[in-house]
Amino acid sequence: MTVEERLAALETRLHAAEDELAIMRLLASYGPLVDSGQSEAAAAMWIDSGLYDYSGGAVATAPDGLIAAYEGPEHQGLIADGCSHLTAPPRITLQGDRAEALAYSYVARRRDGEWFLYRAAINHWHLVRTDDATFGGWRIERRTNRLLEGTEDSYAVMRKGSFV
């Protein structure tokens, strides 16, 4: 292998690592944004008309539907009591300017001075590279979130990750 070929291979690997890091940063930004009431900034993680399909059959469309959900009584009640949205390390599959990520998420909640695990879910994200430098250029096209309730619906989301 020539020096030029080795350099090209190294550059390809570096770009992939940078993309994965940018996606991990994007997904890790979600919790602090929604937990601190930054609805517009959280909605900006999605492309316009991007979708958040979450358990219970609800689908919110970015940005307005997401902002409404984050500013709605259920979410506002969570953050008023104290909560923490956590995303576990994702399994990321890069496909050029598109990517998929699969990861668990958890919401810890404070009630009467005590912290407890409020919910656990599996998430499948479809991501796209954009010209917007925020979040390293990556944004969410679709997020599917299913509670871990032992249902076929949650298992189907778990099976969507590419583990090759």
N, C-alpha and C. Protein backbone atom coordinates (compact mmCIF):
# COMPACT_ATOMS: atom_id res chain seq x y z
N MET A 1 0.85 -1.17 0.00
CA MET A 1 0.00 0.00 0.00
C MET A 1 0.90 1.24 0.00
N THR A 2 0.60 2.15 -0.89
CA THR A 2 1.41 3.36 -1.01
C THR A 2 1.08 4.33 0.13
N VAL A 3 1.93 5.31 0.29
CA VAL A 3 1.70 6.34 1.30
C VAL A 3 0.39 7.08 1.00
N GLU A 4 0.15 7.38 -0.28
CA GLU A 4 -1.08 8.08 -0.67
C GLU A 4 -2.31 7.24 -0.33
N GLU A 5 -2.24 5.94 -0.59
CA GLU A 5 -3.37 5.05 -0.28
C GLU A 5 -3.60 4.97 1.22
N ARG A 6 -2.50 4.88 1.97
CA ARG A 6 -2.62 4.83 3.43
C ARG A 6 -3.21 6.12 3.97
N LEU A 7 -2.77 7.26 3.41
CA LEU A 7 -3.30 8.56 3.82
C LEU A 7 -4.79 8.67 3.49
N ALA A 8 -5.18 8.23 2.32
CA ALA A 8 -6.59 8.27 1.91
C ALA A 8 -7.44 7.40 2.84
N ALA A 9 -6.94 6.21 3.18
CA ALA A 9 -7.66 5.31 4.07
C ALA A 9 -7.78 5.93 5.46
N LEU A 10 -6.71 6.54 5.94
CA LEU A 10 -6.73 7.20 7.24
C LEU A 10 -7.71 8.37 7.25
N GLU A 11 -7.74 9.14 6.17
CA GLU A 11 -8.67 10.26 6.07
C GLU A 11 -10.12 9.77 6.08
N THR A 12 -10.39 8.68 5.40
CA THR A 12 -11.74 8.10 5.39
C THR A 12 -12.15 7.68 6.80
N ARG A 13 -11.23 7.02 7.49
CA ARG A 13 -11.51 6.59 8.87
C ARG A 13 -11.71 7.78 9.79
N LEU A 14 -10.92 8.83 9.62
CA LEU A 14 -11.05 10.02 10.44
C LEU A 14 -12.39 10.69 10.22
N HIS A 15 -12.84 10.82 8.97
CA HIS A 15 -14.14 11.42 8.68
C HIS A 15 -15.27 10.61 9.32
N ALA A 16 -15.18 9.30 9.25
CA ALA A 16 -16.20 8.45 9.86
C ALA A 16 -16.23 8.64 11.38
N ALA A 17 -15.05 8.71 12.00
CA ALA A 17 -14.98 8.93 13.45
C ALA A 17 -15.55 10.30 13.82
N GLU A 18 -15.25 11.31 13.02
CA GLU A 18 -15.79 12.65 13.26
C GLU A 18 -17.32 12.65 13.12
N ASP A 19 -17.84 11.94 12.13
CA ASP A 19 -19.29 11.85 11.96
C ASP A 19 -19.94 11.16 13.16
N GLU A 20 -19.37 10.05 13.58
CA GLU A 20 -19.94 9.35 14.74
C GLU A 20 -19.90 10.22 15.98
N LEU A 21 -18.81 10.94 16.20
CA LEU A 21 -18.71 11.83 17.35
C LEU A 21 -19.75 12.95 17.26
N ALA A 22 -19.94 13.52 16.09
CA ALA A 22 -20.93 14.58 15.92
C ALA A 22 -22.34 14.05 16.21
N ILE A 23 -22.64 12.84 15.76
CA ILE A 23 -23.96 12.24 16.01
C ILE A 23 -24.13 11.96 17.51
N MET A 24 -23.10 11.45 18.16
CA MET A 24 -23.19 11.20 19.61
C MET A 24 -23.42 12.52 20.35
N ARG A 25 -22.75 13.58 19.94
CA ARG A 25 -22.96 14.89 20.57
C ARG A 25 -24.38 15.39 20.34
N LEU A 26 -24.90 15.20 19.14
CA LEU A 26 -26.27 15.59 18.83
C LEU A 26 -27.24 14.88 19.76
N LEU A 27 -27.14 13.56 19.83
CA LEU A 27 -28.07 12.78 20.66
C LEU A 27 -27.91 13.10 22.14
N ALA A 28 -26.68 13.36 22.58
CA ALA A 28 -26.43 13.69 23.99
C ALA A 28 -26.93 15.09 24.34
N SER A 29 -27.17 15.93 23.34
CA SER A 29 -27.66 17.29 23.59
C SER A 29 -29.14 17.31 23.92
N TYR A 30 -29.85 16.28 23.54
CA TYR A 30 -31.30 16.27 23.70
C TYR A 30 -31.72 16.48 25.16
N GLY A 31 -31.21 15.67 26.06
CA GLY A 31 -31.62 15.74 27.46
C GLY A 31 -31.44 17.12 28.08
N PRO A 32 -30.23 17.67 28.06
CA PRO A 32 -30.06 19.00 28.65
C PRO A 32 -30.94 20.08 28.01
N LEU A 33 -31.21 19.96 26.72
CA LEU A 33 -32.07 20.96 26.07
C LEU A 33 -33.51 20.84 26.55
N VAL A 34 -34.09 19.64 26.52
CA VAL A 34 -35.49 19.51 26.92
C VAL A 34 -35.67 19.65 28.42
N ASP A 35 -34.68 19.22 29.20
CA ASP A 35 -34.81 19.31 30.66
C ASP A 35 -34.66 20.74 31.18
N SER A 36 -34.03 21.60 30.39
CA SER A 36 -33.86 22.99 30.81
C SER A 36 -34.89 23.91 30.15
N GLY A 37 -35.86 23.33 29.44
CA GLY A 37 -36.93 24.12 28.86
C GLY A 37 -36.57 24.84 27.57
N GLN A 38 -35.51 24.42 26.89
CA GLN A 38 -35.11 25.07 25.64
C GLN A 38 -35.81 24.39 24.46
N SER A 39 -37.10 24.61 24.37
CA SER A 39 -37.95 23.92 23.40
C SER A 39 -37.52 24.17 21.96
N GLU A 40 -37.27 25.43 21.62
CA GLU A 40 -36.90 25.74 20.23
C GLU A 40 -35.56 25.13 19.86
N ALA A 41 -34.60 25.18 20.76
CA ALA A 41 -33.28 24.60 20.48
C ALA A 41 -33.39 23.08 20.34
N ALA A 42 -34.22 22.45 21.17
CA ALA A 42 -34.41 21.00 21.07
C ALA A 42 -35.07 20.65 19.74
N ALA A 43 -36.07 21.42 19.35
CA ALA A 43 -36.75 21.16 18.07
C ALA A 43 -35.82 21.37 16.89
N ALA A 44 -34.83 22.25 17.04
CA ALA A 44 -33.87 22.52 15.95
C ALA A 44 -32.93 21.35 15.70
N MET A 45 -32.96 20.33 16.56
CA MET A 45 -32.16 19.14 16.32
C MET A 45 -32.70 18.35 15.12
N TRP A 46 -33.97 18.58 14.79
CA TRP A 46 -34.63 17.90 13.68
C TRP A 46 -34.56 18.78 12.43
N ILE A 47 -34.62 18.16 11.26
CA ILE A 47 -34.81 18.92 10.03
C ILE A 47 -36.26 19.40 10.02
N ASP A 48 -36.56 20.44 9.25
CA ASP A 48 -37.94 20.87 9.12
C ASP A 48 -38.77 19.72 8.60
N SER A 49 -39.90 19.51 9.20
CA SER A 49 -40.81 18.40 8.89
C SER A 49 -40.29 17.05 9.36
N GLY A 50 -39.21 17.06 10.16
CA GLY A 50 -38.74 15.82 10.75
C GLY A 50 -39.77 15.31 11.75
N LEU A 51 -39.74 14.00 12.01
CA LEU A 51 -40.77 13.39 12.85
C LEU A 51 -40.20 12.77 14.12
N TYR A 52 -40.96 12.90 15.20
CA TYR A 52 -40.69 12.19 16.44
C TYR A 52 -41.91 11.32 16.71
N ASP A 53 -41.73 10.02 16.52
CA ASP A 53 -42.78 9.02 16.68
C ASP A 53 -42.53 8.35 18.03
N TYR A 54 -43.36 8.69 19.02
CA TYR A 54 -43.10 8.14 20.34
C TYR A 54 -44.24 7.27 20.83
N SER A 55 -43.94 6.46 21.84
CA SER A 55 -44.88 5.48 22.37
C SER A 55 -46.23 6.10 22.63
N GLY A 56 -47.26 5.32 22.40
CA GLY A 56 -48.61 5.80 22.62
C GLY A 56 -49.26 6.28 21.34
N GLY A 57 -48.57 6.15 20.22
CA GLY A 57 -49.15 6.51 18.94
C GLY A 57 -49.03 7.98 18.58
N ALA A 58 -48.34 8.76 19.36
CA ALA A 58 -48.19 10.19 19.07
C ALA A 58 -47.03 10.41 18.11
N VAL A 59 -47.21 11.33 17.18
CA VAL A 59 -46.16 11.74 16.26
C VAL A 59 -46.14 13.26 16.25
N ALA A 60 -44.97 13.82 16.50
CA ALA A 60 -44.80 15.27 16.47
C ALA A 60 -43.91 15.63 15.29
N THR A 61 -44.26 16.71 14.59
CA THR A 61 -43.52 17.17 13.43
C THR A 61 -42.74 18.42 13.79
N ALA A 62 -41.46 18.45 13.38
CA ALA A 62 -40.59 19.58 13.68
C ALA A 62 -40.89 20.75 12.74
N PRO A 63 -40.72 21.95 13.22
CA PRO A 63 -40.41 22.29 14.60
C PRO A 63 -41.64 22.50 15.48
N ASP A 64 -42.75 22.94 14.90
CA ASP A 64 -43.88 23.39 15.72
C ASP A 64 -44.48 22.31 16.61
N GLY A 65 -44.64 21.10 16.08
CA GLY A 65 -45.22 20.02 16.88
C GLY A 65 -44.33 19.62 18.05
N LEU A 66 -43.02 19.66 17.82
CA LEU A 66 -42.09 19.35 18.91
C LEU A 66 -42.12 20.43 19.98
N ILE A 67 -42.10 21.68 19.55
CA ILE A 67 -42.14 22.78 20.51
C ILE A 67 -43.41 22.69 21.35
N ALA A 68 -44.54 22.41 20.71
CA ALA A 68 -45.81 22.27 21.44
C ALA A 68 -45.73 21.14 22.46
N ALA A 69 -45.12 20.02 22.08
CA ALA A 69 -44.99 18.89 23.01
C ALA A 69 -44.10 19.27 24.20
N TYR A 70 -42.98 19.93 23.94
CA TYR A 70 -42.06 20.31 25.01
C TYR A 70 -42.65 21.38 25.92
N GLU A 71 -43.53 22.20 25.37
CA GLU A 71 -44.15 23.26 26.18
C GLU A 71 -45.50 22.85 26.73
N GLY A 72 -45.92 21.62 26.45
CA GLY A 72 -47.19 21.12 26.94
C GLY A 72 -47.15 20.75 28.41
N PRO A 73 -48.31 20.54 29.02
CA PRO A 73 -48.39 20.30 30.47
C PRO A 73 -47.65 19.06 30.95
N GLU A 74 -47.64 17.98 30.17
CA GLU A 74 -46.95 16.77 30.62
C GLU A 74 -45.45 17.00 30.77
N HIS A 75 -44.84 17.55 29.71
CA HIS A 75 -43.40 17.78 29.78
C HIS A 75 -43.05 18.88 30.78
N GLN A 76 -43.83 19.94 30.81
CA GLN A 76 -43.55 21.03 31.76
C GLN A 76 -43.67 20.54 33.20
N GLY A 77 -44.61 19.62 33.45
CA GLY A 77 -44.73 19.03 34.79
C GLY A 77 -43.51 18.23 35.16
N LEU A 78 -42.95 17.50 34.19
CA LEU A 78 -41.73 16.72 34.43
C LEU A 78 -40.58 17.64 34.83
N ILE A 79 -40.35 18.68 34.05
CA ILE A 79 -39.18 19.52 34.33
C ILE A 79 -39.40 20.39 35.56
N ALA A 80 -40.65 20.69 35.90
CA ALA A 80 -40.91 21.48 37.12
C ALA A 80 -40.56 20.69 38.37
N ASP A 81 -40.75 19.37 38.33
CA ASP A 81 -40.40 18.51 39.47
C ASP A 81 -38.94 18.13 39.49
N GLY A 82 -38.29 18.21 38.32
CA GLY A 82 -36.91 17.77 38.17
C GLY A 82 -36.88 16.44 37.43
N CYS A 83 -36.22 16.42 36.30
CA CYS A 83 -36.10 15.18 35.54
C CYS A 83 -34.81 15.21 34.75
N SER A 84 -34.44 14.05 34.24
CA SER A 84 -33.21 13.92 33.47
C SER A 84 -33.44 12.92 32.35
N HIS A 85 -33.45 13.42 31.10
CA HIS A 85 -33.53 12.55 29.92
C HIS A 85 -32.11 12.11 29.57
N LEU A 86 -31.87 10.82 29.57
CA LEU A 86 -30.54 10.27 29.32
C LEU A 86 -30.57 9.38 28.09
N THR A 87 -29.58 9.52 27.23
CA THR A 87 -29.44 8.64 26.06
C THR A 87 -28.20 7.77 26.26
N ALA A 88 -28.39 6.46 26.19
CA ALA A 88 -27.26 5.54 26.31
C ALA A 88 -26.40 5.65 25.05
N PRO A 89 -25.16 5.18 25.12
CA PRO A 89 -24.30 5.24 23.93
C PRO A 89 -24.98 4.54 22.75
N PRO A 90 -25.06 5.22 21.60
CA PRO A 90 -25.76 4.64 20.46
C PRO A 90 -24.89 3.73 19.62
N ARG A 91 -25.55 2.83 18.90
CA ARG A 91 -24.92 2.03 17.85
C ARG A 91 -25.21 2.77 16.56
N ILE A 92 -24.19 3.33 15.93
CA ILE A 92 -24.35 4.19 14.76
C ILE A 92 -23.90 3.45 13.51
N THR A 93 -24.70 3.58 12.47
CA THR A 93 -24.35 3.05 11.15
C THR A 93 -24.35 4.21 10.18
N LEU A 94 -23.18 4.48 9.60
CA LEU A 94 -23.04 5.58 8.64
C LEU A 94 -23.28 5.07 7.22
N GLN A 95 -23.97 5.91 6.43
CA GLN A 95 -24.26 5.57 5.04
C GLN A 95 -24.11 6.85 4.22
N GLY A 96 -22.89 7.35 4.09
CA GLY A 96 -22.65 8.60 3.37
C GLY A 96 -23.19 9.78 4.14
N ASP A 97 -24.14 10.51 3.53
CA ASP A 97 -24.74 11.67 4.18
C ASP A 97 -25.98 11.31 4.99
N ARG A 98 -26.16 10.04 5.23
CA ARG A 98 -27.27 9.55 6.05
C ARG A 98 -26.68 8.62 7.11
N ALA A 99 -27.40 8.47 8.19
CA ALA A 99 -26.95 7.57 9.25
C ALA A 99 -28.17 7.07 10.02
N GLU A 100 -27.97 5.97 10.72
CA GLU A 100 -28.98 5.46 11.64
C GLU A 100 -28.29 5.24 12.98
N ALA A 101 -29.05 5.40 14.03
CA ALA A 101 -28.53 5.15 15.37
C ALA A 101 -29.60 4.41 16.16
N LEU A 102 -29.16 3.52 17.00
CA LEU A 102 -30.05 2.74 17.86
C LEU A 102 -29.51 2.83 19.28
N ALA A 103 -30.38 3.20 20.22
CA ALA A 103 -29.91 3.33 21.61
C ALA A 103 -31.09 3.32 22.57
N TYR A 104 -30.81 2.92 23.78
CA TYR A 104 -31.79 3.03 24.86
C TYR A 104 -31.83 4.47 25.34
N SER A 105 -32.95 4.85 25.92
CA SER A 105 -33.04 6.14 26.61
C SER A 105 -33.79 5.93 27.91
N TYR A 106 -33.49 6.79 28.86
CA TYR A 106 -34.09 6.69 30.19
C TYR A 106 -34.49 8.08 30.64
N VAL A 107 -35.55 8.13 31.43
CA VAL A 107 -35.93 9.37 32.07
C VAL A 107 -35.93 9.10 33.57
N ALA A 108 -35.08 9.84 34.27
CA ALA A 108 -35.07 9.79 35.73
C ALA A 108 -35.93 10.96 36.20
N ARG A 109 -36.67 10.73 37.26
CA ARG A 109 -37.61 11.75 37.73
C ARG A 109 -37.48 11.93 39.23
N ARG A 110 -37.70 13.15 39.67
CA ARG A 110 -37.66 13.48 41.09
C ARG A 110 -39.09 13.71 41.57
N ARG A 111 -39.43 13.05 42.64
CA ARG A 111 -40.74 13.24 43.25
C ARG A 111 -40.59 13.14 44.77
N ASP A 112 -41.11 14.11 45.47
CA ASP A 112 -41.03 14.13 46.94
C ASP A 112 -39.59 13.97 47.43
N GLY A 113 -38.66 14.60 46.72
CA GLY A 113 -37.26 14.59 47.13
C GLY A 113 -36.50 13.32 46.78
N GLU A 114 -37.14 12.36 46.14
CA GLU A 114 -36.51 11.09 45.77
C GLU A 114 -36.39 10.99 44.25
N TRP A 115 -35.31 10.37 43.79
CA TRP A 115 -35.11 10.13 42.35
C TRP A 115 -35.43 8.69 42.04
N PHE A 116 -36.06 8.47 40.88
CA PHE A 116 -36.37 7.11 40.46
C PHE A 116 -36.39 7.06 38.93
N LEU A 117 -36.24 5.84 38.41
CA LEU A 117 -36.31 5.64 36.96
C LEU A 117 -37.78 5.67 36.58
N TYR A 118 -38.14 6.65 35.78
CA TYR A 118 -39.53 6.89 35.40
C TYR A 118 -39.92 6.11 34.15
N ARG A 119 -39.00 6.05 33.18
CA ARG A 119 -39.29 5.32 31.96
C ARG A 119 -38.00 4.88 31.27
N ALA A 120 -38.11 3.79 30.52
CA ALA A 120 -37.00 3.28 29.71
C ALA A 120 -37.57 2.97 28.33
N ALA A 121 -36.79 3.29 27.30
CA ALA A 121 -37.27 3.11 25.93
C ALA A 121 -36.12 2.73 25.01
N ILE A 122 -36.49 2.23 23.85
CA ILE A 122 -35.54 1.99 22.76
C ILE A 122 -35.82 3.04 21.69
N ASN A 123 -34.77 3.52 21.06
CA ASN A 123 -34.89 4.59 20.06
C ASN A 123 -34.15 4.22 18.79
N HIS A 124 -34.77 4.55 17.66
CA HIS A 124 -34.14 4.36 16.36
C HIS A 124 -34.21 5.71 15.65
N TRP A 125 -33.05 6.27 15.36
CA TRP A 125 -32.96 7.57 14.70
C TRP A 125 -32.52 7.40 13.25
N HIS A 126 -33.13 8.19 12.38
CA HIS A 126 -32.66 8.38 11.01
C HIS A 126 -32.09 9.79 10.98
N LEU A 127 -30.85 9.92 10.56
CA LEU A 127 -30.17 11.21 10.58
C LEU A 127 -29.68 11.58 9.19
N VAL A 128 -29.57 12.89 8.95
CA VAL A 128 -29.07 13.37 7.67
C VAL A 128 -28.03 14.46 7.91
N ARG A 129 -27.05 14.49 7.02
CA ARG A 129 -26.05 15.55 7.06
C ARG A 129 -26.66 16.77 6.36
N THR A 130 -26.50 17.93 6.97
CA THR A 130 -27.02 19.17 6.40
C THR A 130 -25.89 20.18 6.27
N ASP A 131 -26.21 21.31 5.67
CA ASP A 131 -25.22 22.40 5.55
C ASP A 131 -25.11 23.20 6.84
N ASP A 132 -26.01 22.98 7.79
CA ASP A 132 -26.00 23.69 9.06
C ASP A 132 -24.88 23.12 9.94
N ALA A 133 -23.96 23.96 10.35
CA ALA A 133 -22.80 23.50 11.12
C ALA A 133 -23.16 23.11 12.56
N THR A 134 -24.35 23.51 13.02
CA THR A 134 -24.77 23.13 14.36
C THR A 134 -24.80 21.61 14.45
N PHE A 135 -24.33 21.08 15.54
CA PHE A 135 -24.28 19.63 15.75
C PHE A 135 -23.45 18.93 14.69
N GLY A 136 -22.41 19.57 14.22
CA GLY A 136 -21.52 18.96 13.24
C GLY A 136 -22.18 18.70 11.90
N GLY A 137 -23.28 19.40 11.63
CA GLY A 137 -23.98 19.24 10.36
C GLY A 137 -25.06 18.18 10.38
N TRP A 138 -25.09 17.34 11.39
CA TRP A 138 -26.07 16.25 11.45
C TRP A 138 -27.35 16.72 12.14
N ARG A 139 -28.48 16.26 11.61
CA ARG A 139 -29.77 16.55 12.24
C ARG A 139 -30.66 15.31 12.12
N ILE A 140 -31.70 15.30 12.91
CA ILE A 140 -32.60 14.15 12.98
C ILE A 140 -33.69 14.29 11.91
N GLU A 141 -33.88 13.24 11.15
CA GLU A 141 -34.98 13.19 10.18
C GLU A 141 -36.20 12.51 10.81
N ARG A 142 -35.93 11.45 11.57
CA ARG A 142 -37.00 10.72 12.25
C ARG A 142 -36.44 10.02 13.49
N ARG A 143 -37.19 10.09 14.56
CA ARG A 143 -36.86 9.34 15.77
C ARG A 143 -38.08 8.51 16.12
N THR A 144 -37.85 7.22 16.28
CA THR A 144 -38.91 6.31 16.73
C THR A 144 -38.53 5.86 18.13
N ASN A 145 -39.43 6.07 19.07
CA ASN A 145 -39.18 5.78 20.48
C ASN A 145 -40.30 4.86 20.97
N ARG A 146 -39.91 3.73 21.57
CA ARG A 146 -40.90 2.81 22.11
C ARG A 146 -40.51 2.42 23.53
N LEU A 147 -41.49 2.51 24.43
CA LEU A 147 -41.27 2.10 25.81
C LEU A 147 -40.91 0.62 25.86
N LEU A 148 -40.06 0.28 26.80
CA LEU A 148 -39.66 -1.12 26.99
C LEU A 148 -40.70 -1.80 27.88
N GLU A 149 -41.77 -2.25 27.21
CA GLU A 149 -42.88 -2.86 27.93
C GLU A 149 -43.07 -4.33 27.57
N GLY A 150 -42.05 -4.91 26.92
CA GLY A 150 -42.16 -6.32 26.53
C GLY A 150 -43.11 -6.53 25.37
N THR A 151 -43.28 -5.51 24.55
CA THR A 151 -44.21 -5.60 23.42
C THR A 151 -43.46 -5.86 22.12
N GLU A 152 -44.16 -6.44 21.17
CA GLU A 152 -43.58 -6.68 19.85
C GLU A 152 -43.15 -5.37 19.22
N ASP A 153 -43.89 -4.30 19.48
CA ASP A 153 -43.56 -2.99 18.94
C ASP A 153 -42.16 -2.54 19.37
N SER A 154 -41.84 -2.71 20.64
CA SER A 154 -40.49 -2.32 21.11
C SER A 154 -39.42 -3.26 20.57
N TYR A 155 -39.73 -4.55 20.49
CA TYR A 155 -38.76 -5.50 19.93
C TYR A 155 -38.47 -5.20 18.46
N ALA A 156 -39.50 -4.79 17.72
CA ALA A 156 -39.32 -4.46 16.30
C ALA A 156 -38.36 -3.29 16.14
N VAL A 157 -38.45 -2.30 17.01
CA VAL A 157 -37.52 -1.17 16.94
C VAL A 157 -36.11 -1.65 17.26
N MET A 158 -35.96 -2.53 18.25
CA MET A 158 -34.63 -3.05 18.59
C MET A 158 -34.00 -3.78 17.42
N ARG A 159 -34.81 -4.47 16.63
CA ARG A 159 -34.30 -5.26 15.51
C ARG A 159 -33.88 -4.40 14.31
N LYS A 160 -34.21 -3.12 14.31
CA LYS A 160 -33.92 -2.26 13.17
C LYS A 160 -32.45 -1.88 13.08
N GLY A 161 -31.73 -2.00 14.16
CA GLY A 161 -30.32 -1.61 14.13
C GLY A 161 -29.51 -2.58 13.28
N SER A 162 -28.59 -2.02 12.51
CA SER A 162 -27.71 -2.86 11.69
C SER A 162 -26.50 -3.24 12.53
N PHE A 163 -26.29 -4.51 12.74
CA PHE A 163 -25.17 -4.95 13.57
C PHE A 163 -24.13 -5.71 12.77
N VAL A 164 -24.03 -5.40 11.51
CA VAL A 164 -23.06 -6.08 10.65
C VAL A 164 -21.72 -5.40 10.80
